[in-house]
Amino acid sequence: MPDWVKHAIWWQVYPLGFTSAEDATEPAGEQAGPVMHRLGQLTTWLDYAVDLGASGLALGPVFASQTHGYDTTDHYRIDPRLGDERDFAGLVEAAHARGLRVLLDGVFNHVGREFPAFRRVLEQGPAAPEASWFRLAWPPDWRPGREPEYASFEGHDALVALNHDEPAVASYVAGVMNHWLDAGADGWRLDAAYAVPAAFWAEVVPRVRAGHPGAYLVGEVIHGDYPGFVVASGLDSVTQYELWKAIWSALNDRNLFELGHALGRHNSFLETFVPLTFVGNHDVTRLASRLEDDRHLAHALAVLLTVGGTPAIYYGDEQAFRGIKEERAGGDDEIRPAFPGDPEELAPTGWPVYRLHQDLIGLRRRHPWLHRAQTTMLHLANEQMIYRVAAGGAAEDPGEQSLVVVLSLADQEVRADVPGARESLAGPGALAGAGGPDAQVILPPHGWAVLS
């Protein structure tokens, strides 16, 4: 993993929604609409991201597509609803000037039906030069105008699956990735990486690393053998959906044993790689809507920003935006909203949550060893959890590289023994007997604390 990733905290943005782009591009065969130079709207928010504490901007799809960005039609062209290559270059330059890295979202499991190579296949039939790029079943009596059956992504006919056994596809993907890294990007999030054979990534990754050894490559993997996939693919990391689910589920059920189990699994992952961690993204119901008790939002953030991992904050979550994902056409719209023209237009009710993010991100950046730190459970009950997070996962306090996190979901005040705790760094908990063997933290109802 590139050394700079140790300090990375991403602010993830879905550009098409953020900038109020049209829902779809012009249909195939019609005159293309004008280029809308919307990427500059993101530049307006870069200082906001820096003030939040982020060190990187993780972009959703920015390449030409038909609708939501995940049905790519041209990987070498910026979506005209967002702008052009000069707009992209300006955004990267502005981000880098503020110390922000830029992560791109690459959709290489599938393409949109208007992808030129697929259109040629439909027009020319089995003899088309790119016919081997797709998984096709041709009718025995094929003639022009008849479509073959083709593999799609999770049954969505508009998303045409690529054939990852075809060497030309690996060459194409490596070429796209290198092209945009040459243009200033710092890494790639690989969408639906779980649907692509790990052996395919193992072919692509060395070609990318040859020219860009400092690029960060992370795959979207929802479940399964995370470490095995990382090792087989050669990627730096994958998304940590297990921890995401355990955080909100344990808080809602007041069953912190679920979270304790997930943290144990998380420790085992950290022995092989550092996961990309999150409590919200462009594909899931927002945390503020998912949690049944608003008081527990701080607990979720405390876990995210004290355990090992590379954290990502989904735009709007830092303002406690609400939004529910629905399994229907347009069901993602509520979780991919437009942002206003500038931060002053945000509702005042969201700023306390923004400041909470600032406090916890600041704490994490003052303790960069947290990136690979592991947790040791000190106390676990349905409604209380105390864990130590330490560099190297040491069970005993190794000096300065150790923190203690205390969570309570109880309706009453809780006193917890934290022998040796010296100072309260975050949270509403009060520390009594600091530094002594009888030190205690006093938590108000539904309280939490991060202690040194």
Protein backbone atom coordinates (compact mmCIF):
# COMPACT_ATOMS: atom_id res chain seq x y z
CA MET A 1 0.00 0.00 0.00
CA PRO A 2 1.34 3.47 -0.83
CA ASP A 3 2.73 5.21 2.23
CA TRP A 4 0.44 8.23 1.86
CA VAL A 5 -2.65 6.09 2.40
CA LYS A 6 -1.69 5.79 6.08
CA HIS A 7 -2.95 9.36 6.48
CA ALA A 8 -5.90 9.18 4.09
CA ILE A 9 -9.41 10.14 5.16
CA TRP A 10 -11.75 10.37 2.20
CA TRP A 11 -14.69 12.66 1.58
CA GLN A 12 -16.77 10.64 -0.88
CA VAL A 13 -18.95 12.50 -3.38
CA TYR A 14 -21.38 11.28 -6.05
CA PRO A 15 -20.82 14.03 -8.66
CA LEU A 16 -23.90 13.54 -10.84
CA GLY A 17 -26.18 13.96 -7.83
CA PHE A 18 -24.04 16.55 -6.07
CA THR A 19 -24.16 18.88 -9.10
CA SER A 20 -27.84 18.32 -10.03
CA ALA A 21 -26.91 16.77 -13.36
CA GLU A 22 -29.65 15.50 -15.66
CA ASP A 23 -30.89 11.98 -15.01
CA ALA A 24 -29.87 10.77 -18.46
CA THR A 25 -27.88 11.74 -21.52
CA GLU A 26 -29.39 12.19 -24.96
CA PRO A 27 -30.60 8.90 -26.50
CA ALA A 28 -28.32 7.19 -28.97
CA GLY A 29 -28.60 8.60 -32.46
CA GLU A 30 -29.75 12.05 -31.35
CA GLN A 31 -27.53 15.10 -31.28
CA ALA A 32 -25.52 15.21 -28.08
CA GLY A 33 -26.46 17.94 -25.65
CA PRO A 34 -24.07 20.71 -24.70
CA VAL A 35 -21.21 20.13 -22.30
CA MET A 36 -22.29 21.33 -18.86
CA HIS A 37 -19.28 22.51 -16.88
CA ARG A 38 -20.46 21.36 -13.46
CA LEU A 39 -17.29 19.85 -12.01
CA GLY A 40 -16.28 23.33 -10.93
CA GLN A 41 -19.08 23.20 -8.36
CA LEU A 42 -17.00 20.63 -6.49
CA THR A 43 -14.05 23.02 -6.38
CA THR A 44 -16.20 25.38 -4.33
CA TRP A 45 -16.45 22.69 -1.65
CA LEU A 46 -12.82 21.64 -1.39
CA ASP A 47 -12.06 24.03 1.47
CA TYR A 48 -15.10 22.63 3.29
CA ALA A 49 -13.63 19.13 2.88
CA VAL A 50 -10.24 20.31 4.16
CA ASP A 51 -11.87 22.00 7.16
CA LEU A 52 -13.71 18.75 7.85
CA GLY A 53 -10.31 17.07 8.12
CA ALA A 54 -10.39 15.06 4.90
CA SER A 55 -7.17 14.42 3.02
CA GLY A 56 -8.76 13.05 -0.13
CA LEU A 57 -11.72 13.46 -2.48
CA ALA A 58 -13.25 10.14 -3.53
CA LEU A 59 -15.32 10.76 -6.66
CA GLY A 60 -18.21 8.67 -7.87
CA PRO A 61 -18.43 8.04 -11.63
CA VAL A 62 -17.31 10.97 -13.80
CA PHE A 63 -17.04 9.21 -17.18
CA ALA A 64 -19.54 9.34 -20.03
CA SER A 65 -22.55 7.19 -19.29
CA GLN A 66 -26.22 6.85 -20.12
CA THR A 67 -27.81 7.46 -16.73
CA HIS A 68 -26.40 6.98 -13.21
CA GLY A 69 -22.73 6.75 -14.14
CA TYR A 70 -22.39 3.01 -13.62
CA ASP A 71 -23.47 2.31 -17.22
CA THR A 72 -20.31 3.70 -18.81
CA THR A 73 -20.25 4.45 -22.53
CA ASP A 74 -16.77 5.99 -22.82
CA HIS A 75 -14.09 5.53 -20.16
CA TYR A 76 -11.84 8.06 -21.87
CA ARG A 77 -14.33 10.92 -21.81
CA ILE A 78 -15.71 12.98 -18.93
CA ASP A 79 -19.50 12.81 -18.77
CA PRO A 80 -20.74 15.90 -20.66
CA ARG A 81 -23.29 16.45 -17.90
CA LEU A 82 -20.29 17.18 -15.65
CA GLY A 83 -17.87 18.85 -18.05
CA ASP A 84 -14.83 17.94 -20.07
CA GLU A 85 -11.20 17.00 -19.60
CA ARG A 86 -10.22 20.59 -18.79
CA ASP A 87 -12.82 20.71 -16.02
CA PHE A 88 -11.42 17.48 -14.62
CA ALA A 89 -7.86 18.80 -14.79
CA GLY A 90 -8.96 21.96 -12.99
CA LEU A 91 -10.62 19.97 -10.21
CA VAL A 92 -7.55 17.76 -9.72
CA GLU A 93 -5.25 20.78 -9.68
CA ALA A 94 -7.43 22.57 -7.12
CA ALA A 95 -7.62 19.44 -4.95
CA HIS A 96 -3.89 18.83 -5.05
CA ALA A 97 -3.21 22.49 -4.22
CA ARG A 98 -5.09 21.88 -0.95
CA GLY A 99 -3.33 18.62 -0.19
CA LEU A 100 -6.31 16.49 -1.24
CA ARG A 101 -5.73 13.25 -3.14
CA VAL A 102 -8.28 12.26 -5.82
CA LEU A 103 -9.78 8.76 -6.07
CA LEU A 104 -11.74 7.77 -9.19
CA ASP A 105 -14.61 5.28 -9.47
CA GLY A 106 -13.94 2.73 -12.20
CA VAL A 107 -16.72 0.50 -13.52
CA PHE A 108 -14.97 -2.39 -15.25
CA ASN A 109 -17.28 -5.29 -14.55
CA HIS A 110 -19.86 -4.06 -17.03
CA VAL A 111 -20.66 -1.26 -19.48
CA GLY A 112 -23.76 0.50 -20.76
CA ARG A 113 -25.56 -0.76 -23.85
CA GLU A 114 -24.35 2.28 -25.77
CA PHE A 115 -20.71 1.34 -25.19
CA PRO A 116 -19.28 1.57 -28.75
CA ALA A 117 -17.72 -1.90 -28.76
CA PHE A 118 -21.04 -3.45 -27.76
CA ARG A 119 -22.91 -1.42 -30.38
CA ARG A 120 -20.52 -2.74 -33.03
CA VAL A 121 -21.19 -6.27 -31.88
CA LEU A 122 -24.94 -5.75 -32.18
CA GLU A 123 -24.53 -4.27 -35.66
CA GLN A 124 -21.88 -6.59 -37.08
CA GLY A 125 -22.67 -9.83 -35.33
CA PRO A 126 -20.22 -12.61 -34.36
CA ALA A 127 -17.59 -11.27 -36.75
CA ALA A 128 -17.30 -7.95 -34.90
CA PRO A 129 -13.72 -7.37 -33.70
CA GLU A 130 -14.85 -6.96 -30.07
CA ALA A 131 -17.29 -9.88 -30.02
CA SER A 132 -14.99 -11.71 -27.59
CA TRP A 133 -15.19 -8.79 -25.13
CA PHE A 134 -18.65 -9.91 -23.97
CA ARG A 135 -20.27 -13.14 -22.83
CA LEU A 136 -22.67 -13.80 -25.67
CA ALA A 137 -24.95 -16.59 -26.88
CA TRP A 138 -25.72 -16.14 -30.56
CA PRO A 139 -28.87 -17.64 -32.12
CA PRO A 140 -27.96 -20.28 -34.70
CA ASP A 141 -29.86 -18.38 -37.37
CA TRP A 142 -28.41 -14.97 -36.50
CA ARG A 143 -29.01 -12.18 -38.97
CA PRO A 144 -28.55 -8.39 -38.71
CA GLY A 145 -31.06 -6.88 -36.31
CA ARG A 146 -31.23 -9.90 -34.00
CA GLU A 147 -29.53 -9.53 -30.63
CA PRO A 148 -27.62 -12.28 -28.92
CA GLU A 149 -28.28 -13.19 -25.34
CA TYR A 150 -25.65 -11.58 -23.13
CA ALA A 151 -24.51 -11.74 -19.53
CA SER A 152 -25.50 -8.69 -17.50
CA PHE A 153 -24.77 -7.32 -14.06
CA GLU A 154 -27.19 -8.82 -11.53
CA GLY A 155 -29.94 -9.14 -14.15
CA HIS A 156 -29.92 -5.50 -15.29
CA ASP A 157 -30.13 -5.63 -19.09
CA ALA A 158 -28.79 -2.07 -19.36
CA LEU A 159 -25.51 -3.21 -17.76
CA VAL A 160 -23.63 -5.49 -20.16
CA ALA A 161 -21.06 -7.71 -18.46
CA LEU A 162 -17.56 -7.82 -19.88
CA ASN A 163 -15.75 -11.08 -20.58
CA HIS A 164 -12.85 -11.00 -18.14
CA ASP A 165 -11.25 -14.06 -19.73
CA GLU A 166 -10.50 -11.99 -22.83
CA PRO A 167 -6.92 -10.59 -22.75
CA ALA A 168 -7.98 -7.54 -24.78
CA VAL A 169 -10.36 -6.55 -21.97
CA ALA A 170 -7.53 -6.61 -19.43
CA SER A 171 -5.41 -4.46 -21.76
CA TYR A 172 -8.29 -2.03 -22.20
CA VAL A 173 -8.92 -1.68 -18.46
CA ALA A 174 -5.23 -1.21 -17.67
CA GLY A 175 -5.05 1.43 -20.39
CA VAL A 176 -8.00 3.36 -18.95
CA MET A 177 -6.63 3.24 -15.43
CA ASN A 178 -3.19 4.42 -16.50
CA HIS A 179 -4.65 7.17 -18.66
CA TRP A 180 -6.42 8.88 -15.76
CA LEU A 181 -3.55 8.30 -13.34
CA ASP A 182 -1.39 10.06 -15.93
CA ALA A 183 -3.97 12.85 -15.86
CA GLY A 184 -3.45 13.38 -12.12
CA ALA A 185 -5.70 10.93 -10.29
CA ASP A 186 -4.18 9.23 -7.24
CA GLY A 187 -6.05 5.96 -7.24
CA TRP A 188 -9.10 3.93 -8.17
CA ARG A 189 -12.12 2.50 -6.41
CA LEU A 190 -13.06 -0.52 -8.55
CA ASP A 191 -16.83 -0.88 -8.65
CA ALA A 192 -18.34 -4.36 -8.29
CA ALA A 193 -14.85 -5.84 -7.97
CA TYR A 194 -16.46 -8.84 -6.29
CA ALA A 195 -18.16 -9.76 -9.58
CA VAL A 196 -14.83 -9.86 -11.43
CA PRO A 197 -12.46 -12.83 -11.09
CA ALA A 198 -9.53 -12.00 -8.85
CA ALA A 199 -7.26 -13.41 -11.56
CA PHE A 200 -8.36 -10.59 -13.87
CA TRP A 201 -7.22 -7.95 -11.39
CA ALA A 202 -3.99 -9.87 -10.95
CA GLU A 203 -3.40 -9.32 -14.68
CA VAL A 204 -4.33 -5.63 -14.61
CA VAL A 205 -2.75 -4.44 -11.36
CA PRO A 206 0.92 -5.04 -12.29
CA ARG A 207 0.43 -3.07 -15.52
CA VAL A 208 -0.92 -0.17 -13.49
CA ARG A 209 1.70 -0.35 -10.78
CA ALA A 210 4.51 -0.44 -13.34
CA GLY A 211 3.84 3.19 -14.20
CA HIS A 212 2.09 4.30 -11.01
CA PRO A 213 3.56 2.56 -7.97
CA GLY A 214 2.02 5.20 -5.68
CA ALA A 215 -1.57 4.64 -6.83
CA TYR A 216 -4.13 3.36 -4.31
CA LEU A 217 -6.30 0.54 -5.67
CA VAL A 218 -9.33 -0.56 -3.66
CA GLY A 219 -12.08 -2.93 -4.74
CA GLU A 220 -15.75 -2.94 -3.84
CA VAL A 221 -16.31 -6.29 -2.14
CA ILE A 222 -19.49 -6.79 -0.12
CA HIS A 223 -19.00 -10.20 1.48
CA GLY A 224 -16.81 -13.27 1.33
CA ASP A 225 -13.12 -13.86 1.95
CA TYR A 226 -11.76 -10.31 2.06
CA PRO A 227 -8.11 -11.23 2.76
CA GLY A 228 -8.16 -13.99 0.16
CA PHE A 229 -9.49 -11.62 -2.47
CA VAL A 230 -6.85 -8.99 -1.67
CA VAL A 231 -4.04 -11.53 -1.89
CA ALA A 232 -5.32 -13.12 -5.11
CA SER A 233 -6.11 -9.83 -6.85
CA GLY A 234 -3.08 -7.78 -5.85
CA LEU A 235 -5.30 -4.85 -4.83
CA ASP A 236 -4.38 -2.73 -1.83
CA SER A 237 -7.72 -3.06 -0.07
CA VAL A 238 -11.43 -3.79 -0.25
CA THR A 239 -14.52 -2.22 1.28
CA GLN A 240 -15.42 -3.30 4.83
CA TYR A 241 -19.16 -3.98 4.61
CA GLU A 242 -19.08 -6.37 7.57
CA LEU A 243 -18.07 -3.59 9.95
CA TRP A 244 -20.54 -1.13 8.37
CA LYS A 245 -23.43 -3.50 9.00
CA ALA A 246 -22.35 -4.44 12.51
CA ILE A 247 -22.05 -0.81 13.64
CA TRP A 248 -25.60 0.29 12.89
CA SER A 249 -27.19 -3.08 13.60
CA ALA A 250 -25.55 -3.44 17.03
CA LEU A 251 -26.54 0.10 17.97
CA ASN A 252 -30.14 -0.39 16.88
CA ASP A 253 -30.52 -3.72 18.65
CA ARG A 254 -28.55 -2.60 21.73
CA ASN A 255 -26.51 -5.74 21.17
CA LEU A 256 -22.88 -4.70 21.25
CA PHE A 257 -21.84 -8.35 21.11
CA GLU A 258 -22.49 -8.14 17.36
CA LEU A 259 -20.07 -5.25 17.08
CA GLY A 260 -17.57 -7.03 19.29
CA HIS A 261 -17.62 -10.04 16.95
CA ALA A 262 -17.15 -7.78 13.92
CA LEU A 263 -14.18 -6.04 15.54
CA GLY A 264 -12.58 -9.43 16.10
CA ARG A 265 -13.03 -10.20 12.40
CA HIS A 266 -11.68 -6.75 11.59
CA ASN A 267 -8.52 -7.52 13.56
CA SER A 268 -7.98 -10.62 11.43
CA PHE A 269 -8.35 -8.60 8.22
CA LEU A 270 -5.78 -6.08 9.43
CA GLU A 271 -3.21 -8.85 9.57
CA THR A 272 -3.34 -8.98 5.74
CA PHE A 273 -4.53 -5.54 4.58
CA VAL A 274 -6.11 -2.28 5.75
CA PRO A 275 -9.81 -2.16 4.80
CA LEU A 276 -11.65 0.86 3.45
CA THR A 277 -14.05 1.64 6.32
CA PHE A 278 -17.26 3.66 6.26
CA VAL A 279 -20.65 4.16 7.90
CA GLY A 280 -22.31 5.48 4.73
CA ASN A 281 -21.86 5.49 0.97
CA HIS A 282 -23.73 6.03 -2.30
CA ASP A 283 -25.38 2.58 -2.21
CA VAL A 284 -26.87 2.40 1.30
CA THR A 285 -29.45 4.16 3.46
CA ARG A 286 -27.85 7.08 5.24
CA LEU A 287 -26.66 6.53 8.79
CA ALA A 288 -28.93 9.23 10.24
CA SER A 289 -31.92 7.45 8.71
CA ARG A 290 -30.73 3.95 9.54
CA LEU A 291 -30.15 4.57 13.26
CA GLU A 292 -33.24 4.30 15.43
CA ASP A 293 -31.80 6.61 18.10
CA ASP A 294 -30.13 9.84 17.00
CA ARG A 295 -27.98 9.79 20.15
CA HIS A 296 -26.06 6.83 18.74
CA LEU A 297 -24.74 8.60 15.66
CA ALA A 298 -21.74 9.74 17.71
CA HIS A 299 -21.08 6.14 18.80
CA ALA A 300 -20.94 5.02 15.17
CA LEU A 301 -18.49 7.77 14.30
CA ALA A 302 -16.36 7.04 17.35
CA VAL A 303 -15.95 3.44 16.19
CA LEU A 304 -15.26 4.40 12.56
CA LEU A 305 -12.58 6.89 13.51
CA THR A 306 -10.80 4.92 16.24
CA VAL A 307 -10.42 1.46 14.72
CA GLY A 308 -7.92 0.42 12.06
CA GLY A 309 -8.80 1.21 8.47
CA THR A 310 -8.87 3.92 5.84
CA PRO A 311 -12.05 5.87 6.68
CA ALA A 312 -14.39 7.46 4.16
CA ILE A 313 -17.11 10.01 4.97
CA TYR A 314 -20.00 10.14 2.50
CA TYR A 315 -20.95 13.68 1.55
CA GLY A 316 -23.87 14.93 3.60
CA ASP A 317 -23.34 12.41 6.40
CA GLU A 318 -21.15 15.03 8.09
CA GLN A 319 -24.31 17.19 8.20
CA ALA A 320 -26.59 14.32 9.33
CA PHE A 321 -28.37 14.23 5.98
CA ARG A 322 -31.17 11.71 5.83
CA GLY A 323 -32.05 9.44 2.94
CA ILE A 324 -33.45 5.95 2.43
CA LYS A 325 -32.37 3.64 -0.36
CA GLU A 326 -35.26 1.88 -2.08
CA GLU A 327 -35.14 -1.09 -4.44
CA ARG A 328 -36.90 0.54 -7.38
CA ALA A 329 -36.11 2.73 -10.37
CA GLY A 330 -34.80 6.00 -8.94
CA GLY A 331 -34.43 4.38 -5.54
CA ASP A 332 -30.96 5.86 -5.07
CA ASP A 333 -32.00 9.46 -5.66
CA GLU A 334 -32.64 10.23 -1.99
CA ILE A 335 -29.17 9.12 -0.95
CA ARG A 336 -27.41 10.94 -3.83
CA PRO A 337 -28.76 14.49 -3.44
CA ALA A 338 -27.65 17.85 -4.77
CA PHE A 339 -25.56 20.10 -2.57
CA PRO A 340 -26.20 23.85 -2.43
CA GLY A 341 -23.97 26.45 -4.03
CA ASP A 342 -21.75 26.91 -0.98
CA PRO A 343 -21.54 25.84 2.68
CA GLU A 344 -23.39 28.91 3.96
CA GLU A 345 -26.56 27.54 2.37
CA LEU A 346 -26.53 24.36 4.46
CA ALA A 347 -29.14 24.08 7.21
CA PRO A 348 -27.89 25.21 10.64
CA THR A 349 -29.09 21.98 12.25
CA GLY A 350 -26.34 19.96 10.57
CA TRP A 351 -23.32 21.90 11.81
CA PRO A 352 -23.08 20.27 15.27
CA VAL A 353 -22.61 16.92 13.52
CA TYR A 354 -20.03 18.49 11.22
CA ARG A 355 -18.11 19.70 14.27
CA LEU A 356 -18.34 16.22 15.81
CA HIS A 357 -16.76 14.85 12.64
CA GLN A 358 -14.05 17.50 12.86
CA ASP A 359 -13.26 16.55 16.45
CA LEU A 360 -13.00 12.83 15.77
CA ILE A 361 -11.15 13.21 12.47
CA GLY A 362 -8.75 15.58 14.20
CA LEU A 363 -8.17 13.00 16.93
CA ARG A 364 -7.44 10.36 14.31
CA ARG A 365 -5.03 12.56 12.40
CA ARG A 366 -3.14 13.26 15.64
CA HIS A 367 -2.78 9.49 16.05
CA PRO A 368 -1.86 8.24 12.56
CA TRP A 369 -0.88 4.84 13.96
CA LEU A 370 -4.63 4.13 14.18
CA HIS A 371 -4.52 3.23 10.49
CA ARG A 372 -3.26 -0.29 11.26
CA ALA A 373 -4.18 -0.47 14.94
CA GLN A 374 -6.07 -3.42 16.36
CA THR A 375 -8.61 -3.62 19.15
CA THR A 376 -8.59 -5.55 22.40
CA MET A 377 -11.94 -5.96 24.14
CA LEU A 378 -11.76 -4.96 27.82
CA HIS A 379 -15.46 -5.17 28.68
CA LEU A 380 -18.48 -6.28 26.66
CA ALA A 381 -22.17 -6.37 27.51
CA ASN A 382 -25.35 -5.75 25.54
CA GLU A 383 -25.29 -2.01 26.24
CA GLN A 384 -21.67 -1.33 27.18
CA MET A 385 -18.38 -1.81 25.40
CA ILE A 386 -14.85 -0.85 26.37
CA TYR A 387 -12.04 -1.58 23.95
CA ARG A 388 -8.41 -0.62 23.72
CA VAL A 389 -7.06 0.25 20.31
CA ALA A 390 -3.30 0.02 20.06
CA ALA A 391 -0.55 0.07 17.47
CA GLY A 392 0.34 -3.46 16.58
CA GLY A 393 -2.67 -4.79 18.45
CA ALA A 394 -0.77 -5.09 21.73
CA ALA A 395 -2.94 -6.16 24.65
CA GLU A 396 -0.92 -4.07 27.09
CA ASP A 397 -0.64 -0.31 26.78
CA PRO A 398 2.45 0.35 24.64
CA GLY A 399 2.79 3.95 25.79
CA GLU A 400 1.48 6.75 23.69
CA GLN A 401 0.16 4.51 20.89
CA SER A 402 -2.94 3.38 22.72
CA LEU A 403 -6.47 4.71 23.25
CA VAL A 404 -9.46 3.40 25.17
CA VAL A 405 -12.98 3.78 23.77
CA VAL A 406 -16.03 3.47 26.03
CA LEU A 407 -19.57 3.18 24.62
CA SER A 408 -22.84 3.03 26.52
CA LEU A 409 -26.34 2.58 25.13
CA ALA A 410 -27.97 2.57 28.57
CA ASP A 411 -30.77 4.92 29.58
CA GLN A 412 -29.02 5.72 32.86
CA GLU A 413 -25.64 7.08 33.91
CA VAL A 414 -22.86 4.50 33.80
CA ARG A 415 -19.55 4.39 35.68
CA ALA A 416 -16.84 2.24 34.16
CA ASP A 417 -13.40 1.34 35.49
CA VAL A 418 -10.60 2.46 33.18
CA PRO A 419 -7.42 1.95 35.23
CA GLY A 420 -4.55 4.14 34.11
CA ALA A 421 -6.64 6.37 31.84
CA ARG A 422 -5.04 9.81 31.85
CA GLU A 423 -7.27 12.14 29.84
CA SER A 424 -10.62 12.31 28.06
CA LEU A 425 -9.95 13.22 24.43
CA ALA A 426 -13.48 13.16 23.02
CA GLY A 427 -17.05 12.53 24.08
CA PRO A 428 -19.24 13.61 27.00
CA GLY A 429 -17.69 11.20 29.49
CA ALA A 430 -16.00 12.66 32.59
CA LEU A 431 -12.83 11.08 33.93
CA ALA A 432 -12.32 10.68 37.67
CA GLY A 433 -9.04 9.67 39.29
CA ALA A 434 -7.11 10.33 36.08
CA GLY A 435 -3.90 8.35 35.76
CA GLY A 436 -4.51 6.18 38.79
CA PRO A 437 -5.37 2.50 39.17
CA ASP A 438 -8.89 3.42 40.25
CA ALA A 439 -9.65 5.76 37.35
CA GLN A 440 -13.28 5.77 36.27
CA VAL A 441 -15.18 7.31 33.41
CA ILE A 442 -18.67 8.60 34.17
CA LEU A 443 -20.93 8.49 31.13
CA PRO A 444 -24.32 10.20 30.89
CA PRO A 445 -27.18 8.18 29.41
CA HIS A 446 -26.18 7.05 25.91
CA GLY A 447 -22.71 8.48 26.46
CA TRP A 448 -19.31 7.67 25.06
CA ALA A 449 -15.69 8.65 25.53
CA VAL A 450 -12.28 8.29 23.93
CA LEU A 451 -9.52 8.22 26.53
CA SER A 452 -5.75 8.27 26.48
